[in-house]
C-alpha cells in the first residue's frame, strides 16, 4: 500500500497551472488540462505547434523564455516537463518549499499527483492510473473502457 495515489477529483477551473516545458509531454498534459482548466501558463523558449496554436487562440498563455523561479511564485499547480534534470529539480524544490502541488514528468518520485488516462462520457469523468508504473497497461485499459462505454451504454441508452 505504500505510495499508492488516492484518486481525487478537484475543480481546477480557477487554479493557475504552470507547465514548464514545451515538448510532446507538455503538449499531452496541456491537452488534458484544457478540458478542465481555464488558466494554463506555459514557460518555454520553444513549444510544439499545438501549444503555439493554443497560445495564438488565447487558450494558454505562453511565456517564451527560459524558466526562473518567479514563473511559479503564484501558481497553484506546476508541471515540470523539461528535458533538463537540473531545471526539473529546481522546480520541484521551489514547489515543495512553497507548498505548491507539483508533477515532474521525468521522475515519478517527484510527483504529488499523477496524470490519469481520462475518459469522458456524458457527465461522467473516469481516470485510469497505474501510479506511473505501467503507462501501456493504463492506455489499454482506458481504451477498453472507452469501447465498452461507446458500445454498451449506447445500446442501453443510460
N, C-alpha and C. Protein backbone atom coordinates (compact mmCIF):
# COMPACT_ATOMS: atom_id res chain seq x y z
N UNK A 1 0.81 -1.20 0.00
CA UNK A 1 0.00 0.00 0.00
C UNK A 1 0.85 1.26 0.00
N UNK A 2 2.13 1.14 0.22
CA UNK A 2 2.98 2.31 0.31
C UNK A 2 3.04 3.06 -1.02
N UNK A 3 2.89 4.37 -0.96
CA UNK A 3 2.99 5.28 -2.09
C UNK A 3 1.90 5.11 -3.14
N UNK A 4 0.81 4.48 -2.81
CA UNK A 4 -0.32 4.44 -3.73
C UNK A 4 -0.96 5.81 -3.76
N UNK A 5 -1.44 6.20 -4.93
CA UNK A 5 -2.07 7.50 -5.09
C UNK A 5 -3.57 7.37 -4.93
N UNK A 6 -4.15 8.27 -4.18
CA UNK A 6 -5.58 8.31 -3.96
C UNK A 6 -6.23 9.10 -5.09
N UNK A 7 -7.24 8.53 -5.76
CA UNK A 7 -7.89 9.27 -6.85
C UNK A 7 -8.77 10.38 -6.26
N UNK A 8 -8.45 11.60 -6.61
CA UNK A 8 -9.13 12.76 -6.06
C UNK A 8 -9.56 13.66 -7.20
N UNK A 9 -10.83 13.95 -7.28
CA UNK A 9 -11.34 14.81 -8.33
C UNK A 9 -11.55 16.20 -7.74
N UNK A 10 -10.86 17.18 -8.30
CA UNK A 10 -10.95 18.54 -7.80
C UNK A 10 -11.26 19.50 -8.95
N UNK A 11 -11.86 20.61 -8.59
CA UNK A 11 -12.17 21.65 -9.56
C UNK A 11 -10.92 22.50 -9.77
N UNK A 12 -10.38 22.48 -10.98
CA UNK A 12 -9.18 23.27 -11.27
C UNK A 12 -9.47 24.41 -12.24
N UNK A 13 -10.75 24.71 -12.44
CA UNK A 13 -11.08 25.74 -13.43
C UNK A 13 -10.45 27.08 -13.11
N UNK A 14 -10.36 27.43 -11.86
CA UNK A 14 -9.82 28.74 -11.48
C UNK A 14 -8.38 28.66 -10.95
N UNK A 15 -7.80 27.49 -10.97
CA UNK A 15 -6.43 27.32 -10.49
C UNK A 15 -5.44 27.82 -11.53
N UNK A 16 -4.35 28.44 -11.08
CA UNK A 16 -3.28 28.81 -12.01
C UNK A 16 -2.36 27.61 -12.13
N UNK A 17 -2.27 27.09 -13.36
CA UNK A 17 -1.45 25.91 -13.63
C UNK A 17 -0.31 26.34 -14.53
N UNK A 18 0.90 26.09 -14.09
CA UNK A 18 2.08 26.45 -14.87
C UNK A 18 2.74 25.17 -15.37
N UNK A 19 2.93 25.11 -16.68
CA UNK A 19 3.62 23.99 -17.31
C UNK A 19 4.97 24.52 -17.78
N UNK A 20 6.04 23.97 -17.23
CA UNK A 20 7.38 24.38 -17.64
C UNK A 20 7.90 23.34 -18.63
N UNK A 21 8.08 23.76 -19.85
CA UNK A 21 8.48 22.87 -20.94
C UNK A 21 7.47 22.98 -22.06
N UNK A 22 7.92 22.74 -23.27
CA UNK A 22 7.04 22.91 -24.42
C UNK A 22 7.09 21.79 -25.42
N UNK A 23 7.55 20.61 -25.01
CA UNK A 23 7.66 19.48 -25.92
C UNK A 23 6.43 18.60 -25.93
N UNK A 24 6.62 17.36 -26.38
CA UNK A 24 5.50 16.43 -26.56
C UNK A 24 4.81 16.08 -25.24
N UNK A 25 5.58 15.88 -24.18
CA UNK A 25 4.97 15.55 -22.88
C UNK A 25 4.15 16.74 -22.38
N UNK A 26 4.71 17.93 -22.47
CA UNK A 26 3.97 19.13 -22.07
C UNK A 26 2.69 19.25 -22.89
N UNK A 27 2.80 19.00 -24.18
CA UNK A 27 1.62 19.08 -25.06
C UNK A 27 0.53 18.11 -24.61
N UNK A 28 0.90 16.86 -24.31
CA UNK A 28 -0.10 15.88 -23.85
C UNK A 28 -0.77 16.35 -22.56
N UNK A 29 0.02 16.86 -21.63
CA UNK A 29 -0.52 17.34 -20.36
C UNK A 29 -1.47 18.51 -20.60
N UNK A 30 -1.08 19.41 -21.46
CA UNK A 30 -1.89 20.60 -21.75
C UNK A 30 -3.21 20.20 -22.41
N UNK A 31 -3.16 19.26 -23.33
CA UNK A 31 -4.41 18.79 -23.96
C UNK A 31 -5.39 18.28 -22.91
N UNK A 32 -4.89 17.54 -21.96
CA UNK A 32 -5.75 17.04 -20.87
C UNK A 32 -6.25 18.19 -20.01
N UNK A 33 -5.34 19.07 -19.61
CA UNK A 33 -5.71 20.17 -18.72
C UNK A 33 -6.75 21.10 -19.32
N UNK A 34 -6.67 21.35 -20.62
CA UNK A 34 -7.58 22.31 -21.24
C UNK A 34 -9.04 21.85 -21.20
N UNK A 35 -9.26 20.57 -20.94
CA UNK A 35 -10.63 20.07 -20.76
C UNK A 35 -11.21 20.50 -19.40
N UNK A 36 -10.32 20.91 -18.47
CA UNK A 36 -10.75 21.16 -17.10
C UNK A 36 -10.31 22.51 -16.53
N UNK A 37 -9.32 23.15 -17.13
CA UNK A 37 -8.72 24.35 -16.55
C UNK A 37 -8.80 25.53 -17.51
N UNK A 38 -8.95 26.71 -16.93
CA UNK A 38 -9.04 27.94 -17.72
C UNK A 38 -7.79 28.79 -17.66
N UNK A 39 -6.86 28.46 -16.78
CA UNK A 39 -5.70 29.32 -16.57
C UNK A 39 -4.41 28.50 -16.64
N UNK A 40 -3.99 28.20 -17.86
CA UNK A 40 -2.77 27.42 -18.08
C UNK A 40 -1.70 28.33 -18.67
N UNK A 41 -0.56 28.36 -18.01
CA UNK A 41 0.58 29.16 -18.45
C UNK A 41 1.71 28.21 -18.82
N UNK A 42 2.30 28.42 -19.98
CA UNK A 42 3.40 27.60 -20.45
C UNK A 42 4.66 28.45 -20.45
N UNK A 43 5.72 27.93 -19.83
CA UNK A 43 7.01 28.62 -19.80
C UNK A 43 8.01 27.76 -20.55
N UNK A 44 8.44 28.26 -21.72
CA UNK A 44 9.41 27.53 -22.54
C UNK A 44 9.88 28.43 -23.67
N UNK A 45 11.17 28.35 -24.00
CA UNK A 45 11.66 29.15 -25.13
C UNK A 45 11.09 28.68 -26.46
N UNK A 46 10.84 27.37 -26.59
CA UNK A 46 10.27 26.78 -27.80
C UNK A 46 9.14 25.85 -27.40
N UNK A 47 8.11 25.77 -28.24
CA UNK A 47 6.99 24.87 -27.96
C UNK A 47 6.55 24.18 -29.25
N UNK A 48 5.72 23.16 -29.09
CA UNK A 48 5.18 22.44 -30.25
C UNK A 48 4.20 23.34 -31.00
N UNK A 49 3.87 22.93 -32.20
CA UNK A 49 2.89 23.67 -33.00
C UNK A 49 1.54 23.75 -32.31
N UNK A 50 1.12 22.67 -31.66
CA UNK A 50 -0.16 22.67 -30.94
C UNK A 50 -0.16 23.75 -29.85
N UNK A 51 0.92 23.81 -29.07
CA UNK A 51 0.97 24.81 -27.99
C UNK A 51 1.00 26.22 -28.58
N UNK A 52 1.72 26.42 -29.67
CA UNK A 52 1.71 27.71 -30.35
C UNK A 52 0.29 28.09 -30.76
N UNK A 53 -0.43 27.13 -31.33
CA UNK A 53 -1.82 27.39 -31.75
C UNK A 53 -2.70 27.74 -30.56
N UNK A 54 -2.55 27.01 -29.46
CA UNK A 54 -3.35 27.29 -28.27
C UNK A 54 -3.04 28.68 -27.71
N UNK A 55 -1.77 29.08 -27.78
CA UNK A 55 -1.39 30.42 -27.33
C UNK A 55 -1.99 31.49 -28.25
N UNK A 56 -1.92 31.24 -29.53
CA UNK A 56 -2.47 32.18 -30.51
C UNK A 56 -3.99 32.32 -30.33
N UNK A 57 -4.65 31.21 -30.00
CA UNK A 57 -6.10 31.23 -29.77
C UNK A 57 -6.46 31.67 -28.35
N UNK A 58 -5.45 32.05 -27.57
CA UNK A 58 -5.61 32.53 -26.19
C UNK A 58 -6.22 31.47 -25.26
N UNK A 59 -5.93 30.21 -25.54
CA UNK A 59 -6.38 29.13 -24.65
C UNK A 59 -5.32 28.84 -23.60
N UNK A 60 -4.07 29.20 -23.88
CA UNK A 60 -2.98 29.16 -22.90
C UNK A 60 -2.19 30.46 -23.04
N UNK A 61 -1.46 30.77 -21.99
CA UNK A 61 -0.53 31.89 -22.04
C UNK A 61 0.85 31.29 -22.21
N UNK A 62 1.57 31.73 -23.24
CA UNK A 62 2.92 31.22 -23.48
C UNK A 62 3.93 32.30 -23.15
N UNK A 63 4.76 32.02 -22.15
CA UNK A 63 5.89 32.89 -21.83
C UNK A 63 7.10 32.30 -22.55
N UNK A 64 7.49 32.95 -23.63
CA UNK A 64 8.56 32.44 -24.49
C UNK A 64 9.91 32.81 -23.85
N UNK A 65 10.34 31.97 -22.92
CA UNK A 65 11.56 32.26 -22.16
C UNK A 65 12.01 31.01 -21.42
N UNK A 66 13.23 31.08 -20.91
CA UNK A 66 13.72 30.02 -20.03
C UNK A 66 13.09 30.20 -18.66
N UNK A 67 12.96 29.11 -17.95
CA UNK A 67 12.36 29.10 -16.62
C UNK A 67 13.21 29.86 -15.61
N UNK A 68 12.54 30.60 -14.73
CA UNK A 68 13.16 31.07 -13.48
C UNK A 68 12.10 30.97 -12.39
N UNK A 69 12.53 30.98 -11.14
CA UNK A 69 11.63 30.71 -10.01
C UNK A 69 10.44 31.66 -9.93
N UNK A 70 10.58 32.85 -10.45
CA UNK A 70 9.47 33.82 -10.44
C UNK A 70 8.27 33.30 -11.25
N UNK A 71 8.53 32.43 -12.21
CA UNK A 71 7.45 31.93 -13.07
C UNK A 71 6.40 31.12 -12.32
N UNK A 72 6.76 30.58 -11.17
CA UNK A 72 5.82 29.73 -10.43
C UNK A 72 5.43 30.30 -9.07
N UNK A 73 5.82 31.54 -8.80
CA UNK A 73 5.60 32.09 -7.46
C UNK A 73 4.14 32.12 -7.03
N UNK A 74 3.21 32.32 -7.96
CA UNK A 74 1.80 32.40 -7.59
C UNK A 74 0.98 31.25 -8.20
N UNK A 75 1.65 30.17 -8.55
CA UNK A 75 0.97 29.02 -9.15
C UNK A 75 0.28 28.18 -8.09
N UNK A 76 -0.79 27.51 -8.51
CA UNK A 76 -1.46 26.54 -7.64
C UNK A 76 -0.96 25.12 -7.92
N UNK A 77 -0.67 24.87 -9.19
CA UNK A 77 -0.19 23.56 -9.63
C UNK A 77 0.91 23.80 -10.65
N UNK A 78 1.99 23.02 -10.56
CA UNK A 78 3.11 23.16 -11.50
C UNK A 78 3.45 21.80 -12.08
N UNK A 79 3.68 21.80 -13.40
CA UNK A 79 4.14 20.60 -14.08
C UNK A 79 5.51 20.89 -14.67
N UNK A 80 6.49 20.12 -14.27
CA UNK A 80 7.83 20.23 -14.84
C UNK A 80 7.96 19.20 -15.95
N UNK A 81 8.07 19.67 -17.18
CA UNK A 81 8.14 18.76 -18.32
C UNK A 81 9.28 19.18 -19.25
N UNK A 82 10.43 19.47 -18.65
CA UNK A 82 11.58 19.86 -19.45
C UNK A 82 12.49 18.66 -19.65
N UNK A 83 13.46 18.79 -20.54
CA UNK A 83 14.45 17.73 -20.71
C UNK A 83 15.73 18.07 -19.97
N UNK A 84 15.63 19.00 -19.02
CA UNK A 84 16.78 19.44 -18.23
C UNK A 84 16.56 19.03 -16.77
N UNK A 85 17.28 17.99 -16.33
CA UNK A 85 17.10 17.46 -14.98
C UNK A 85 17.35 18.51 -13.91
N UNK A 86 18.33 19.37 -14.11
CA UNK A 86 18.63 20.42 -13.13
C UNK A 86 17.45 21.38 -12.98
N UNK A 87 16.86 21.76 -14.09
CA UNK A 87 15.69 22.66 -14.05
C UNK A 87 14.52 21.96 -13.37
N UNK A 88 14.26 20.71 -13.73
CA UNK A 88 13.17 19.95 -13.11
C UNK A 88 13.38 19.84 -11.60
N UNK A 89 14.61 19.59 -11.17
CA UNK A 89 14.91 19.51 -9.73
C UNK A 89 14.69 20.85 -9.04
N UNK A 90 15.05 21.92 -9.71
CA UNK A 90 14.85 23.27 -9.15
C UNK A 90 13.35 23.56 -9.01
N UNK A 91 12.58 23.22 -10.02
CA UNK A 91 11.13 23.39 -9.96
C UNK A 91 10.56 22.62 -8.77
N UNK A 92 10.99 21.38 -8.62
CA UNK A 92 10.49 20.53 -7.54
C UNK A 92 10.82 21.15 -6.17
N UNK A 93 12.06 21.59 -5.98
CA UNK A 93 12.47 22.18 -4.70
C UNK A 93 11.63 23.42 -4.37
N UNK A 94 11.45 24.30 -5.33
CA UNK A 94 10.69 25.53 -5.10
C UNK A 94 9.24 25.20 -4.77
N UNK A 95 8.66 24.27 -5.50
CA UNK A 95 7.27 23.90 -5.24
C UNK A 95 7.10 23.30 -3.84
N UNK A 96 8.01 22.46 -3.44
CA UNK A 96 7.91 21.86 -2.11
C UNK A 96 8.05 22.93 -1.03
N UNK A 97 8.97 23.89 -1.22
CA UNK A 97 9.14 24.99 -0.25
C UNK A 97 7.88 25.84 -0.15
N UNK A 98 7.23 26.08 -1.28
CA UNK A 98 6.06 26.95 -1.32
C UNK A 98 4.74 26.19 -1.17
N UNK A 99 4.83 24.88 -0.99
CA UNK A 99 3.67 24.01 -0.84
C UNK A 99 2.73 24.10 -2.05
N UNK A 100 3.33 24.06 -3.22
CA UNK A 100 2.59 24.06 -4.49
C UNK A 100 2.56 22.61 -4.99
N UNK A 101 1.39 22.13 -5.40
CA UNK A 101 1.31 20.80 -5.98
C UNK A 101 2.18 20.72 -7.22
N UNK A 102 2.99 19.66 -7.31
CA UNK A 102 3.94 19.57 -8.41
C UNK A 102 3.95 18.17 -9.01
N UNK A 103 4.21 18.13 -10.31
CA UNK A 103 4.39 16.87 -11.04
C UNK A 103 5.58 17.06 -11.95
N UNK A 104 6.64 16.28 -11.71
CA UNK A 104 7.82 16.28 -12.57
C UNK A 104 7.72 15.05 -13.45
N UNK A 105 7.48 15.27 -14.74
CA UNK A 105 7.15 14.16 -15.63
C UNK A 105 8.26 13.13 -15.76
N UNK A 106 9.49 13.53 -15.54
CA UNK A 106 10.61 12.61 -15.71
C UNK A 106 10.95 11.79 -14.45
N UNK A 107 10.25 12.07 -13.33
CA UNK A 107 10.59 11.39 -12.08
C UNK A 107 9.34 11.19 -11.24
N UNK A 108 8.79 9.98 -11.26
CA UNK A 108 7.55 9.71 -10.53
C UNK A 108 7.69 9.93 -9.02
N UNK A 109 8.92 9.92 -8.51
CA UNK A 109 9.14 10.18 -7.09
C UNK A 109 9.04 11.66 -6.75
N UNK A 110 8.95 12.50 -7.77
CA UNK A 110 8.82 13.94 -7.57
C UNK A 110 7.46 14.42 -8.07
N UNK A 111 6.46 13.64 -7.73
CA UNK A 111 5.09 13.96 -8.15
C UNK A 111 4.15 13.90 -6.95
N UNK A 112 3.46 15.00 -6.69
CA UNK A 112 2.41 14.98 -5.69
C UNK A 112 1.17 14.30 -6.23
N UNK A 113 1.07 14.22 -7.55
CA UNK A 113 -0.07 13.61 -8.22
C UNK A 113 0.41 13.06 -9.55
N UNK A 114 -0.35 12.13 -10.09
CA UNK A 114 -0.06 11.57 -11.41
C UNK A 114 -1.20 11.92 -12.35
N UNK A 115 -0.89 12.01 -13.61
CA UNK A 115 -1.91 12.25 -14.62
C UNK A 115 -2.57 10.93 -14.99
N UNK A 116 -3.88 10.85 -14.84
CA UNK A 116 -4.56 9.62 -15.25
C UNK A 116 -4.88 9.64 -16.73
N UNK A 117 -5.16 8.46 -17.26
CA UNK A 117 -5.78 8.39 -18.58
C UNK A 117 -7.22 8.82 -18.37
N UNK A 118 -7.69 9.80 -19.11
CA UNK A 118 -9.01 10.39 -18.89
C UNK A 118 -10.02 9.84 -19.90
N UNK A 119 -11.18 9.48 -19.38
CA UNK A 119 -12.30 9.06 -20.21
C UNK A 119 -13.47 9.95 -19.82
N UNK A 120 -14.07 10.59 -20.82
CA UNK A 120 -15.26 11.40 -20.56
C UNK A 120 -16.43 10.81 -21.32
N UNK A 121 -17.48 10.55 -20.59
CA UNK A 121 -18.69 10.01 -21.19
C UNK A 121 -19.87 10.78 -20.61
N UNK A 122 -20.49 11.60 -21.44
CA UNK A 122 -21.55 12.48 -20.99
C UNK A 122 -21.02 13.31 -19.81
N UNK A 123 -21.64 13.20 -18.66
CA UNK A 123 -21.22 13.97 -17.49
C UNK A 123 -20.25 13.19 -16.58
N UNK A 124 -19.88 12.00 -17.00
CA UNK A 124 -19.01 11.14 -16.19
C UNK A 124 -17.56 11.31 -16.63
N UNK A 125 -16.67 11.46 -15.65
CA UNK A 125 -15.24 11.52 -15.91
C UNK A 125 -14.60 10.35 -15.15
N UNK A 126 -13.85 9.54 -15.88
CA UNK A 126 -13.17 8.39 -15.30
C UNK A 126 -11.68 8.58 -15.50
N UNK A 127 -10.93 8.35 -14.44
CA UNK A 127 -9.47 8.41 -14.54
C UNK A 127 -8.87 7.04 -14.31
N UNK A 128 -7.93 6.64 -15.16
CA UNK A 128 -7.25 5.36 -15.03
C UNK A 128 -5.77 5.65 -14.81
N UNK A 129 -5.19 5.02 -13.79
CA UNK A 129 -3.81 5.34 -13.45
C UNK A 129 -3.11 4.12 -12.88
N UNK A 130 -1.83 3.97 -13.21
CA UNK A 130 -1.04 2.86 -12.67
C UNK A 130 0.04 3.37 -11.72
N UNK A 131 -0.10 4.60 -11.27
CA UNK A 131 0.91 5.16 -10.37
C UNK A 131 2.24 5.38 -11.05
N UNK A 132 2.20 5.60 -12.37
CA UNK A 132 3.42 5.85 -13.12
C UNK A 132 4.22 4.60 -13.43
N UNK A 133 3.66 3.44 -13.14
CA UNK A 133 4.42 2.20 -13.29
C UNK A 133 4.20 1.48 -14.62
N UNK A 134 3.02 1.66 -15.24
CA UNK A 134 2.76 0.91 -16.46
C UNK A 134 1.84 1.73 -17.38
N UNK A 135 2.43 2.66 -18.13
CA UNK A 135 1.67 3.54 -19.00
C UNK A 135 0.94 2.78 -20.10
N UNK A 136 1.57 1.72 -20.62
CA UNK A 136 0.95 0.93 -21.68
C UNK A 136 -0.32 0.26 -21.18
N UNK A 137 -0.26 -0.35 -20.00
CA UNK A 137 -1.42 -1.01 -19.43
C UNK A 137 -2.54 0.00 -19.16
N UNK A 138 -2.17 1.17 -18.69
CA UNK A 138 -3.16 2.23 -18.44
C UNK A 138 -3.86 2.62 -19.73
N UNK A 139 -3.09 2.79 -20.80
CA UNK A 139 -3.66 3.17 -22.10
C UNK A 139 -4.60 2.08 -22.61
N UNK A 140 -4.18 0.83 -22.52
CA UNK A 140 -5.02 -0.29 -22.99
C UNK A 140 -6.33 -0.34 -22.21
N UNK A 141 -6.25 -0.21 -20.89
CA UNK A 141 -7.46 -0.25 -20.06
C UNK A 141 -8.37 0.94 -20.37
N UNK A 142 -7.79 2.12 -20.54
CA UNK A 142 -8.58 3.30 -20.88
C UNK A 142 -9.33 3.08 -22.19
N UNK A 143 -8.64 2.54 -23.19
CA UNK A 143 -9.27 2.28 -24.49
C UNK A 143 -10.38 1.24 -24.38
N UNK A 144 -10.18 0.20 -23.55
CA UNK A 144 -11.21 -0.82 -23.36
C UNK A 144 -12.44 -0.22 -22.69
N UNK A 145 -12.23 0.62 -21.71
CA UNK A 145 -13.36 1.27 -21.03
C UNK A 145 -14.11 2.18 -22.00
N UNK A 146 -13.36 2.93 -22.81
CA UNK A 146 -14.00 3.79 -23.81
C UNK A 146 -14.84 2.97 -24.78
N UNK A 147 -14.29 1.86 -25.26
CA UNK A 147 -15.03 0.99 -26.18
C UNK A 147 -16.29 0.44 -25.51
N UNK A 148 -16.16 0.00 -24.27
CA UNK A 148 -17.31 -0.52 -23.53
C UNK A 148 -18.40 0.53 -23.41
N UNK A 149 -18.01 1.74 -23.05
CA UNK A 149 -18.99 2.81 -22.88
C UNK A 149 -19.67 3.16 -24.20
N UNK A 150 -18.89 3.19 -25.27
CA UNK A 150 -19.47 3.50 -26.59
C UNK A 150 -20.46 2.43 -27.02
N UNK A 151 -20.08 1.17 -26.83
CA UNK A 151 -20.91 0.07 -27.30
C UNK A 151 -22.03 -0.26 -26.31
N UNK A 152 -21.66 -0.42 -25.05
CA UNK A 152 -22.62 -0.86 -24.04
C UNK A 152 -23.66 0.17 -23.66
N UNK A 153 -23.25 1.38 -23.43
CA UNK A 153 -24.18 2.40 -22.98
C UNK A 153 -25.08 2.91 -24.08
N UNK A 154 -24.61 2.89 -25.31
CA UNK A 154 -25.44 3.35 -26.42
C UNK A 154 -26.61 2.40 -26.65
N UNK A 155 -26.39 1.11 -26.40
CA UNK A 155 -27.47 0.16 -26.62
C UNK A 155 -28.48 0.16 -25.48
N UNK A 156 -28.03 0.51 -24.27
CA UNK A 156 -28.95 0.54 -23.13
C UNK A 156 -29.54 1.93 -22.93
N UNK A 157 -28.99 2.93 -23.60
CA UNK A 157 -29.49 4.31 -23.54
C UNK A 157 -29.45 4.88 -22.14
N UNK A 158 -28.47 4.55 -21.35
CA UNK A 158 -28.37 5.05 -19.97
C UNK A 158 -27.48 6.25 -19.91
